[in-house]
């Protein structure tokens, strides 16, 4: 569809539905402040940026600070609504690029992109969610320009936008690849023997564009680091690109296909919780039927296009799970898995393009019902994640307030004394209510970061920042090794037992 055409009704439906379902699924994250994990020490910042290859995130963050004349803030409603708006615009581009004709399918695409668990994860890192989701929009817009651009300037602009998207968050590479792949599938489905040459050339150019935007990303990244006099860290393997053996990449490719066919439960990157897994397989079976039918129909038009279509469909698992090829599974988490929503988008697209099925009232009703059930399950799951976040945060605040009270009540305590915490990250307190909930398994299917139970929250690396921000206690923390009297500290019981907090040589020692 021409780039400059006005918005169609289908795109407006996708946008509106995305916002509505976004509020239904992410509303608790919009209207409450949950500050766990990285957010606890990023209330006025964006966390890691250029040092992990996110030069565009750093640049936009600096621009935001200069524009408003203050700082970056972790604002749930402001950042959250911007995020939903960017996701909705992304859904509009997808609906437009794939020329979706059904309002119902358009609504589903917008809705599923808003309630997919990766968005819930993003709201757990709300301090930068709006810029991250702007990166999604920029990446898909860039891919759209590369696919639909008739002029070289459009294509070059798309390459630059895709590079900026990667510079905001590298985990959007699979989204960009999936979009490009789906657009190629769309072109082949619409093509016939009279346009096969043009179609094949268009497909063969896409790897060139992909290499192009990745090259631009790396070049700008190198220049940006040189300007700042900084170096890349090795966070999540971002500095390992090109340093992995071919055999290791082959294994990762195999794992990507395996995870597409049989997604692993009980992992930090599992996106199909509870009975969503059943719907995933139902959608997969429907998709396989559509794929087979599309290939069969294409055999009557052109063998070259048939082979091309089959090859493109075979690449779908690799594209949607390309993050596995990039990093391996050991460092994967839910924030990196947005491309896992694309199989649902593909099946919806194939349904829309299958004329015989689309004209069947019963088939329409069945498929739309499945879509609605999927959305309800994801919306409920998202709200359950926020419920856990609220539950854990309130209990953590209560836990720290009690701890602060006991510290200040210790014999010989003085406000001027520094505090030494022993066994940090190894806190065990069976009296915490959240621990009992975990034992009962009521939150077993929640695997999204940073939605953890209270025992994981109080053992988080940013626990001290959380206590300072939300309980108002900021002691001068020192290392217990500087105190001496190691034997006396060793003989102390563990908190919350009596005697676990003691003043030793002018230092308040808290032994967890």
Foldseek 3Di string as FASTA:
>chain_A
DDPPDDQDPLLVLLLVLLLVLLCLQCVLLQPDDFQFFPNLVDQFHQPDALQLLLLLLVVVQVVVCVVVVHTQGLHRNVLSSLLSNLLSLLLSLLCVLLVFDDSLLSSLSSNCLSLFVLSLLLSNSSSRSNVLSNLLSLLSCLLSQCQNPPDPVSVVSSLQSNLNSCSNPVLCQLVSLLSNLLSLLSVLLPDFPVCVVVSVVSNVCVVVSSVSSVVVSVVVSVVSCVVVVHHHDCVLHSVCVVVDDPVVLVVLLVVLVVCLVPNDAPAQADRQFDCSVVLSVVLVVLVVVLLVVSLVVRVVGDPSSSVVSVVSVVCNSCSQSVVCSVRNRPSDHNNSRSSVSVSVSSSSSSCSPPVVQVPDPVSVVVVSVSSVVSSVVSSVLSVVLSVLSVLLLVLLLVVLLVVVVVQCVAPPDDQQFAEEEAPQLNDDDPPRPQVVVVVVVPCVRDSHPPRDHNNNRCNHPSNQSSCCVRVVDDGHYDHPVVQDPVVQLVPADAPPDPRQWHQGPRYTYHYD
